[in-house]
Structures are given as structure tokens and as C-alpha cells.
Amino acid sequence: MSVCLLKMMNIIAGEAHRWNSIADCHLKILMLDFTAGQPISLMSERFEQVIQCLEYEVAHTANFNQSTRPSGINLERGLAFWGLAVLLGENDLSARISLLALGEQRDDDYWESEVLNLCFHLMQNGYKNPARELLYNPYYQDLCSVIRIMHENNDKAQAAQILEHYIKDWYKCRKGDFWYNGHNKMPDYTYYSGYWAFEAAALVYLFDLDDRLLLKSMYYPKDLVEWARTGH
């Protein structure tokens, strides 16, 4: 490999890292603004900047690897972003988030994860049961159960009870995540910006569930659900 080509590849790789860092900064500000009670109406613009930066990152990554665009977000972030897009009424962003989660490496419209597959299809083609085995994650089976129950039985009471269980265990199930317990490490730790189960709130909104069982949880973004329900 020539020196010039090596330098160019390093520049491209550096650009991917730079866009990832910028996306992370925008996301922290977005989360902090919501946690601090800033106007929800201002969140969409910042959220779009997060998604745009991640799109730039995967474009540079694909250029560096000379490949199709890879997945740019993991399961946890994909669900949180999907939930935010639903609650903010940003259907266009939801489609872009699904592409970030899927990447361009697959030749069908199935996400590897069962829960991502169900959630994204809710916004695109409606309920769609996969025709093949998908990756199973026990942390998110409650979400899958809610979607299936609502599609098959439309049992809102049972769905709300399942989400109550999901919210109750939401924080402790993320014990291995880098941001876990960040609020106890301030001011030296910079990753705490609030703990919010946006994906659960999105299902409450989409299925018009009674959320009284969830209001006691500090992880349930009730203000965002109320904002979505009022049509802004």
C-alpha cells in the first residue's frame, strides 16, 4: 500500500470516528435537555442531527472498508432511537434509524434481532411475524409479548401489566452497560444524562395503553407520552 493511500485511509477512518463523537455529543445534549425539562418541541431538530451524524459515520466506515454500509447502532440504541422517533412523531427519522440498524449488508427486510424486527415493522408495514429464526434477547421479550398480544388479542390491560414488569426491571437489566450507575460517579463521570425507557413509552403511545401502572417509575418518560398524545 502506497504512503499516499495509507494516509487517505487514515483520514477516512478518522472522519468516521469524528462523526461518531459529534453524534455522541448531540445525543448527550438531547438527553440532558429532556431530563432537565427543556421544551420537548426542541428535541426533533437535535435528534435529527444525531441521526445525520451517525449516517455520515457509517458512510465513512463503508468507504474505509470498501464495502456496503454496516449497521451503525446496536440493539439498545436502536430501540431507544425507535422509541424517540415514535414519540416525537418523526416517521422519516424512524425509517432512517431502521437503515442504521439494518445496514446494507442484508438482502431482505429482517433485522437480526426479534424485537427490532417487530418494532420497526410496526412503523413500516404493520405487524410482521418473521419467517425465520431471529436473535433472541431475554431482556426484550416483554416488548415482543406486548406487540404480539396487541396484534392477536388487543388485550390492553395485559399489555400494560407486561410493560409495568419491563419498566420495573429496565434499569437493573442494563447493569453491564457503560452508563450504568453514572449518576453516582459525578462529577468525574460524564455519561449520566438521564435514564429513560423510550421504547416502552412508544408502545404505550402506539397502542393507546393506560399508563397508570407505569407512572410510578422514574424511567418512564411520561411527559413525552403526554406530549405525543396531545398532538403537540
C-alpha atoms as a PDB file:
ATOM      1  CA  MET A   1       0.000   0.000   0.000  1.00  0.00           C
ATOM      2  CA  SER A   2       1.410   3.378  -1.001  1.00  0.00           C
ATOM      3  CA  VAL A   3       2.079   6.067   1.581  1.00  0.00           C
ATOM      4  CA  CYS A   4      -0.492   8.385  -0.011  1.00  0.00           C
ATOM      5  CA  LEU A   5      -3.176   5.701   0.018  1.00  0.00           C
ATOM      6  CA  LEU A   6      -2.380   4.847   3.625  1.00  0.00           C
ATOM      7  CA  LYS A   7      -2.701   8.484   4.632  1.00  0.00           C
ATOM      8  CA  MET A   8      -6.027   8.738   2.802  1.00  0.00           C
ATOM      9  CA  MET A   9      -7.367   5.638   4.552  1.00  0.00           C
ATOM     10  CA  ASN A  10      -6.318   7.038   7.921  1.00  0.00           C
ATOM     11  CA  ILE A  11      -8.130  10.279   7.129  1.00  0.00           C
ATOM     12  CA  ILE A  12     -11.307   8.380   6.222  1.00  0.00           C
ATOM     13  CA  ALA A  13     -11.113   6.300   9.398  1.00  0.00           C
ATOM     14  CA  GLY A  14     -10.571   9.471  11.409  1.00  0.00           C
ATOM     15  CA  GLU A  15     -13.634  11.052   9.816  1.00  0.00           C
ATOM     16  CA  ALA A  16     -15.784   8.101  10.869  1.00  0.00           C
ATOM     17  CA  HIS A  17     -14.571   8.476  14.449  1.00  0.00           C
ATOM     18  CA  ARG A  18     -15.131  12.239  14.337  1.00  0.00           C
ATOM     19  CA  TRP A  19     -18.752  11.889  13.234  1.00  0.00           C
ATOM     20  CA  ASN A  20     -19.347   9.284  15.933  1.00  0.00           C
ATOM     21  CA  SER A  21     -18.025  11.706  18.555  1.00  0.00           C
ATOM     22  CA  ILE A  22     -20.202  14.536  17.243  1.00  0.00           C
ATOM     23  CA  ALA A  23     -23.262  12.267  17.296  1.00  0.00           C
ATOM     24  CA  ASP A  24     -22.463  11.321  20.885  1.00  0.00           C
ATOM     25  CA  CYS A  25     -22.256  14.991  21.886  1.00  0.00           C
ATOM     26  CA  HIS A  26     -25.595  15.796  20.263  1.00  0.00           C
ATOM     27  CA  LEU A  27     -27.175  12.778  21.954  1.00  0.00           C
ATOM     28  CA  LYS A  28     -25.904  13.795  25.388  1.00  0.00           C
ATOM     29  CA  ILE A  29     -27.311  17.290  24.946  1.00  0.00           C
ATOM     30  CA  LEU A  30     -30.629  15.868  23.730  1.00  0.00           C
ATOM     31  CA  MET A  31     -30.911  13.584  26.744  1.00  0.00           C
ATOM     32  CA  LEU A  32     -29.809  16.247  29.210  1.00  0.00           C
ATOM     33  CA  ASP A  33     -32.324  18.733  27.804  1.00  0.00           C
ATOM     34  CA  PHE A  34     -35.170  16.254  28.228  1.00  0.00           C
ATOM     35  CA  THR A  35     -34.028  15.220  31.705  1.00  0.00           C
ATOM     36  CA  ALA A  36     -33.792  18.877  32.720  1.00  0.00           C
ATOM     37  CA  GLY A  37     -37.322  19.581  31.479  1.00  0.00           C
ATOM     38  CA  GLN A  38     -36.491  21.669  28.425  1.00  0.00           C
ATOM     39  CA  PRO A  39     -39.276  22.082  25.812  1.00  0.00           C
ATOM     40  CA  ILE A  40     -39.953  18.812  24.007  1.00  0.00           C
ATOM     41  CA  SER A  41     -40.699  20.736  20.817  1.00  0.00           C
ATOM     42  CA  LEU A  42     -36.974  21.455  20.520  1.00  0.00           C
ATOM     43  CA  MET A  43     -35.931  17.805  20.601  1.00  0.00           C
ATOM     44  CA  SER A  44     -36.654  16.847  16.987  1.00  0.00           C
ATOM     45  CA  GLU A  45     -34.023  19.099  15.457  1.00  0.00           C
ATOM     46  CA  ARG A  46     -31.321  17.840  17.818  1.00  0.00           C
ATOM     47  CA  PHE A  47     -32.399  14.246  17.276  1.00  0.00           C
ATOM     48  CA  GLU A  48     -32.159  14.655  13.515  1.00  0.00           C
ATOM     49  CA  GLN A  49     -28.591  15.897  13.984  1.00  0.00           C
ATOM     50  CA  VAL A  50     -27.760  12.724  15.928  1.00  0.00           C
ATOM     51  CA  ILE A  51     -29.078  10.523  13.127  1.00  0.00           C
ATOM     52  CA  GLN A  52     -27.378  12.552  10.412  1.00  0.00           C
ATOM     53  CA  CYS A  53     -24.004  12.319  12.141  1.00  0.00           C
ATOM     54  CA  LEU A  54     -24.353   8.554  12.500  1.00  0.00           C
ATOM     55  CA  GLU A  55     -25.224   8.298   8.813  1.00  0.00           C
ATOM     56  CA  TYR A  56     -22.037  10.189   7.991  1.00  0.00           C
ATOM     57  CA  GLU A  57     -20.100   7.833  10.252  1.00  0.00           C
ATOM     58  CA  VAL A  58     -21.304   4.647   8.552  1.00  0.00           C
ATOM     59  CA  ALA A  59     -20.726   6.207   5.119  1.00  0.00           C
ATOM     60  CA  HIS A  60     -17.081   6.862   6.003  1.00  0.00           C
ATOM     61  CA  THR A  61     -16.771   3.406   7.553  1.00  0.00           C
ATOM     62  CA  ALA A  62     -18.065   1.827   4.353  1.00  0.00           C
ATOM     63  CA  ASN A  63     -15.627   3.933   2.346  1.00  0.00           C
ATOM     64  CA  PHE A  64     -12.747   2.847   4.561  1.00  0.00           C
ATOM     65  CA  ASN A  65     -13.696  -0.827   4.315  1.00  0.00           C
ATOM     66  CA  GLN A  66     -14.690  -0.516   0.646  1.00  0.00           C
ATOM     67  CA  SER A  67     -17.935  -2.246   1.487  1.00  0.00           C
ATOM     68  CA  THR A  68     -21.648  -1.592   1.821  1.00  0.00           C
ATOM     69  CA  ARG A  69     -22.733   0.489   4.766  1.00  0.00           C
ATOM     70  CA  PRO A  70     -22.634  -1.501   8.003  1.00  0.00           C
ATOM     71  CA  SER A  71     -25.043  -1.285  10.897  1.00  0.00           C
ATOM     72  CA  GLY A  72     -24.366   1.929  12.790  1.00  0.00           C
ATOM     73  CA  ILE A  73     -26.240   1.342  16.056  1.00  0.00           C
ATOM     74  CA  ASN A  74     -26.555  -1.553  18.467  1.00  0.00           C
ATOM     75  CA  LEU A  75     -29.741  -3.160  19.774  1.00  0.00           C
ATOM     76  CA  GLU A  76     -30.180  -0.953  22.836  1.00  0.00           C
ATOM     77  CA  ARG A  77     -29.624   2.269  20.930  1.00  0.00           C
ATOM     78  CA  GLY A  78     -31.761   1.102  18.026  1.00  0.00           C
ATOM     79  CA  LEU A  79     -34.716   0.543  20.350  1.00  0.00           C
ATOM     80  CA  ALA A  80     -34.234   3.830  22.193  1.00  0.00           C
ATOM     81  CA  PHE A  81     -33.972   5.760  18.923  1.00  0.00           C
ATOM     82  CA  TRP A  82     -37.019   3.985  17.517  1.00  0.00           C
ATOM     83  CA  GLY A  83     -38.975   4.929  20.639  1.00  0.00           C
ATOM     84  CA  LEU A  84     -37.903   8.553  20.441  1.00  0.00           C
ATOM     85  CA  ALA A  85     -38.840   8.790  16.765  1.00  0.00           C
ATOM     86  CA  VAL A  86     -42.311   7.377  17.502  1.00  0.00           C
ATOM     87  CA  LEU A  87     -42.958   9.735  20.408  1.00  0.00           C
ATOM     88  CA  LEU A  88     -41.665  12.790  18.548  1.00  0.00           C
ATOM     89  CA  GLY A  89     -43.790  11.928  15.514  1.00  0.00           C
ATOM     90  CA  GLU A  90     -40.734  11.690  13.280  1.00  0.00           C
ATOM     91  CA  ASN A  91     -41.704   8.903  10.882  1.00  0.00           C
ATOM     92  CA  ASP A  92     -38.997   9.900   8.412  1.00  0.00           C
ATOM     93  CA  LEU A  93     -36.385   9.564  11.124  1.00  0.00           C
ATOM     94  CA  SER A  94     -37.799   6.167  12.060  1.00  0.00           C
ATOM     95  CA  ALA A  95     -37.100   4.923   8.532  1.00  0.00           C
ATOM     96  CA  ARG A  96     -33.558   6.284   8.659  1.00  0.00           C
ATOM     97  CA  ILE A  97     -32.966   4.696  12.069  1.00  0.00           C
ATOM     98  CA  SER A  98     -34.114   1.346  10.707  1.00  0.00           C
ATOM     99  CA  LEU A  99     -31.489   1.629   7.962  1.00  0.00           C
ATOM    100  CA  LEU A 100     -28.829   2.439  10.534  1.00  0.00           C
ATOM    101  CA  ALA A 101     -29.818  -0.667  12.487  1.00  0.00           C
ATOM    102  CA  LEU A 102     -30.058  -2.885   9.416  1.00  0.00           C
ATOM    103  CA  GLY A 103     -27.146  -1.644   7.331  1.00  0.00           C
ATOM    104  CA  GLU A 104     -26.868  -2.518   3.669  1.00  0.00           C
ATOM    105  CA  GLN A 105     -25.381  -5.956   4.176  1.00  0.00           C
ATOM    106  CA  ARG A 106     -28.634  -7.923   4.093  1.00  0.00           C
ATOM    107  CA  ASP A 107     -30.788  -8.808   1.130  1.00  0.00           C
ATOM    108  CA  ASP A 108     -34.129  -8.782   2.949  1.00  0.00           C
ATOM    109  CA  ASP A 109     -36.022  -6.549   5.356  1.00  0.00           C
ATOM    110  CA  TYR A 110     -35.423  -8.552   8.529  1.00  0.00           C
ATOM    111  CA  TRP A 111     -33.353  -7.180  11.347  1.00  0.00           C
ATOM    112  CA  GLU A 112     -31.208  -9.725  13.160  1.00  0.00           C
ATOM    113  CA  SER A 113     -32.966  -9.072  16.460  1.00  0.00           C
ATOM    114  CA  GLU A 114     -36.521 -10.267  17.040  1.00  0.00           C
ATOM    115  CA  VAL A 115     -37.510  -7.154  18.975  1.00  0.00           C
ATOM    116  CA  LEU A 116     -36.063  -4.719  16.408  1.00  0.00           C
ATOM    117  CA  ASN A 117     -37.827  -6.636  13.663  1.00  0.00           C
ATOM    118  CA  LEU A 118     -41.197  -6.307  15.400  1.00  0.00           C
ATOM    119  CA  CYS A 119     -40.772  -2.650  16.381  1.00  0.00           C
ATOM    120  CA  PHE A 120     -39.582  -1.336  13.027  1.00  0.00           C
ATOM    121  CA  HIS A 121     -42.227  -3.244  11.113  1.00  0.00           C
ATOM    122  CA  LEU A 122     -44.874  -1.611  13.306  1.00  0.00           C
ATOM    123  CA  MET A 123     -43.884   1.720  11.777  1.00  0.00           C
ATOM    124  CA  GLN A 124     -43.366   0.489   8.221  1.00  0.00           C
ATOM    125  CA  ASN A 125     -45.555  -2.442   7.230  1.00  0.00           C
ATOM    126  CA  GLY A 126     -47.507  -3.116  10.381  1.00  0.00           C
ATOM    127  CA  TYR A 127     -47.163  -6.309  12.396  1.00  0.00           C
ATOM    128  CA  LYS A 128     -44.995  -8.850  10.596  1.00  0.00           C
ATOM    129  CA  ASN A 129     -44.102 -12.217  12.066  1.00  0.00           C
ATOM    130  CA  PRO A 130     -40.671 -13.309  10.817  1.00  0.00           C
ATOM    131  CA  ALA A 131     -40.456 -16.268   8.510  1.00  0.00           C
ATOM    132  CA  ARG A 132     -37.174 -17.414  10.018  1.00  0.00           C
ATOM    133  CA  GLU A 133     -35.375 -17.546  13.355  1.00  0.00           C
ATOM    134  CA  LEU A 134     -34.071 -14.240  14.705  1.00  0.00           C
ATOM    135  CA  LEU A 135     -31.754 -13.443  17.588  1.00  0.00           C
ATOM    136  CA  TYR A 136     -33.490 -13.769  20.944  1.00  0.00           C
ATOM    137  CA  ASN A 137     -32.724 -11.401  23.799  1.00  0.00           C
ATOM    138  CA  PRO A 138     -34.487 -12.169  27.112  1.00  0.00           C
ATOM    139  CA  TYR A 139     -34.307  -8.535  28.245  1.00  0.00           C
ATOM    140  CA  TYR A 140     -36.680  -7.502  25.487  1.00  0.00           C
ATOM    141  CA  GLN A 141     -39.143 -10.373  25.433  1.00  0.00           C
ATOM    142  CA  ASP A 142     -41.707  -8.274  27.279  1.00  0.00           C
ATOM    143  CA  LEU A 143     -41.731  -5.825  24.383  1.00  0.00           C
ATOM    144  CA  CYS A 144     -42.215  -8.650  21.895  1.00  0.00           C
ATOM    145  CA  SER A 145     -45.028 -10.052  24.022  1.00  0.00           C
ATOM    146  CA  VAL A 146     -46.836  -6.699  24.106  1.00  0.00           C
ATOM    147  CA  ILE A 147     -46.708  -6.358  20.329  1.00  0.00           C
ATOM    148  CA  ARG A 148     -47.969  -9.886  19.760  1.00  0.00           C
ATOM    149  CA  ILE A 149     -50.700  -9.623  22.403  1.00  0.00           C
ATOM    150  CA  MET A 150     -51.999  -6.397  20.912  1.00  0.00           C
ATOM    151  CA  HIS A 151     -51.943  -7.831  17.409  1.00  0.00           C
ATOM    152  CA  GLU A 152     -53.580 -11.135  18.299  1.00  0.00           C
ATOM    153  CA  ASN A 153     -55.926 -10.258  21.186  1.00  0.00           C
ATOM    154  CA  ASN A 154     -55.909  -6.475  21.581  1.00  0.00           C
ATOM    155  CA  ASP A 155     -55.685  -7.012  25.336  1.00  0.00           C
ATOM    156  CA  LYS A 156     -54.655  -3.585  26.589  1.00  0.00           C
ATOM    157  CA  ALA A 157     -54.831  -4.476  30.262  1.00  0.00           C
ATOM    158  CA  GLN A 158     -52.449  -7.402  29.888  1.00  0.00           C
ATOM    159  CA  ALA A 159     -50.139  -5.355  27.687  1.00  0.00           C
ATOM    160  CA  ALA A 160     -49.930  -2.609  30.329  1.00  0.00           C
ATOM    161  CA  GLN A 161     -49.133  -5.178  33.026  1.00  0.00           C
ATOM    162  CA  ILE A 162     -46.309  -6.614  30.928  1.00  0.00           C
ATOM    163  CA  LEU A 163     -44.857  -3.159  30.367  1.00  0.00           C
ATOM    164  CA  GLU A 164     -45.054  -2.500  34.099  1.00  0.00           C
ATOM    165  CA  HIS A 165     -42.841  -5.562  34.603  1.00  0.00           C
ATOM    166  CA  TYR A 166     -40.494  -4.413  31.830  1.00  0.00           C
ATOM    167  CA  ILE A 167     -40.104  -0.945  33.331  1.00  0.00           C
ATOM    168  CA  LYS A 168     -39.563  -2.370  36.804  1.00  0.00           C
ATOM    169  CA  ASP A 169     -36.583  -4.426  35.596  1.00  0.00           C
ATOM    170  CA  TRP A 170     -35.399  -1.956  32.951  1.00  0.00           C
ATOM    171  CA  TYR A 171     -32.510  -0.380  34.851  1.00  0.00           C
ATOM    172  CA  LYS A 172     -31.086  -3.442  36.580  1.00  0.00           C
ATOM    173  CA  CYS A 173     -31.092  -5.381  33.300  1.00  0.00           C
ATOM    174  CA  ARG A 174     -28.583  -2.868  31.963  1.00  0.00           C
ATOM    175  CA  LYS A 175     -26.011  -3.393  34.672  1.00  0.00           C
ATOM    176  CA  GLY A 176     -23.303  -4.196  32.138  1.00  0.00           C
ATOM    177  CA  ASP A 177     -23.773  -1.022  30.099  1.00  0.00           C
ATOM    178  CA  PHE A 178     -21.085   1.669  30.255  1.00  0.00           C
ATOM    179  CA  TRP A 179     -23.534   4.312  31.504  1.00  0.00           C
ATOM    180  CA  TYR A 180     -24.934   2.200  34.337  1.00  0.00           C
ATOM    181  CA  ASN A 181     -24.785   3.900  37.748  1.00  0.00           C
ATOM    182  CA  GLY A 182     -23.317   7.012  36.160  1.00  0.00           C
ATOM    183  CA  HIS A 183     -25.304   9.294  38.450  1.00  0.00           C
ATOM    184  CA  ASN A 184     -23.230   8.044  41.402  1.00  0.00           C
ATOM    185  CA  LYS A 185     -19.936   8.850  39.678  1.00  0.00           C
ATOM    186  CA  MET A 186     -20.452  12.538  39.015  1.00  0.00           C
ATOM    187  CA  PRO A 187     -18.834  14.997  38.553  1.00  0.00           C
ATOM    188  CA  ASP A 188     -15.888  12.944  37.279  1.00  0.00           C
ATOM    189  CA  TYR A 189     -18.101  10.693  35.140  1.00  0.00           C
ATOM    190  CA  THR A 190     -19.618  12.400  32.107  1.00  0.00           C
ATOM    191  CA  TYR A 191     -22.027   9.788  30.767  1.00  0.00           C
ATOM    192  CA  TYR A 192     -25.025  10.437  33.008  1.00  0.00           C
ATOM    193  CA  SER A 193     -27.757  12.249  31.117  1.00  0.00           C
ATOM    194  CA  GLY A 194     -30.864  10.531  32.433  1.00  0.00           C
ATOM    195  CA  TYR A 195     -32.327   7.024  32.301  1.00  0.00           C
ATOM    196  CA  TRP A 196     -35.341   6.691  30.033  1.00  0.00           C
ATOM    197  CA  ALA A 197     -37.172   3.675  28.602  1.00  0.00           C
ATOM    198  CA  PHE A 198     -38.306   5.374  25.406  1.00  0.00           C
ATOM    199  CA  GLU A 199     -39.109   2.069  23.682  1.00  0.00           C
ATOM    200  CA  ALA A 200     -41.677   1.113  26.348  1.00  0.00           C
ATOM    201  CA  ALA A 201     -43.247   4.565  26.198  1.00  0.00           C
ATOM    202  CA  ALA A 202     -43.530   4.275  22.412  1.00  0.00           C
ATOM    203  CA  LEU A 203     -45.605   1.097  22.764  1.00  0.00           C
ATOM    204  CA  VAL A 204     -47.846   2.822  25.308  1.00  0.00           C
ATOM    205  CA  TYR A 205     -48.444   5.587  22.800  1.00  0.00           C
ATOM    206  CA  LEU A 206     -48.852   3.415  19.694  1.00  0.00           C
ATOM    207  CA  PHE A 207     -51.347   1.062  21.342  1.00  0.00           C
ATOM    208  CA  ASP A 208     -53.045   3.773  23.439  1.00  0.00           C
ATOM    209  CA  LEU A 209     -52.452   1.897  26.684  1.00  0.00           C
ATOM    210  CA  ASP A 210     -53.438   3.033  30.158  1.00  0.00           C
ATOM    211  CA  ASP A 211     -50.106   4.009  31.685  1.00  0.00           C
ATOM    212  CA  ARG A 212     -51.190   4.493  35.297  1.00  0.00           C
ATOM    213  CA  LEU A 213     -49.184   1.396  36.296  1.00  0.00           C
ATOM    214  CA  LEU A 214     -46.056   2.963  34.817  1.00  0.00           C
ATOM    215  CA  LEU A 215     -46.268   6.466  36.262  1.00  0.00           C
ATOM    216  CA  LYS A 216     -44.511   5.480  39.474  1.00  0.00           C
ATOM    217  CA  SER A 217     -41.356   4.521  37.591  1.00  0.00           C
ATOM    218  CA  MET A 218     -38.598   7.115  37.309  1.00  0.00           C
ATOM    219  CA  TYR A 219     -37.586   5.553  33.980  1.00  0.00           C
ATOM    220  CA  TYR A 220     -40.920   6.129  32.255  1.00  0.00           C
ATOM    221  CA  PRO A 221     -40.885   9.372  30.197  1.00  0.00           C
ATOM    222  CA  LYS A 222     -44.470  10.339  30.974  1.00  0.00           C
ATOM    223  CA  ASP A 223     -44.053  13.938  29.803  1.00  0.00           C
ATOM    224  CA  LEU A 224     -43.027  12.752  26.360  1.00  0.00           C
ATOM    225  CA  VAL A 225     -46.005  10.389  26.155  1.00  0.00           C
ATOM    226  CA  GLU A 226     -48.383  13.172  27.196  1.00  0.00           C
ATOM    227  CA  TRP A 227     -46.825  15.466  24.601  1.00  0.00           C
ATOM    228  CA  ALA A 228     -47.256  12.843  21.864  1.00  0.00           C
ATOM    229  CA  ARG A 229     -50.871  12.166  22.848  1.00  0.00           C
ATOM    230  CA  THR A 230     -51.856  15.812  22.678  1.00  0.00           C
ATOM    231  CA  GLY A 231     -50.676  16.037  19.083  1.00  0.00           C
ATOM    232  CA  HIS A 232     -48.150  18.688  20.091  1.00  0.00           C
END
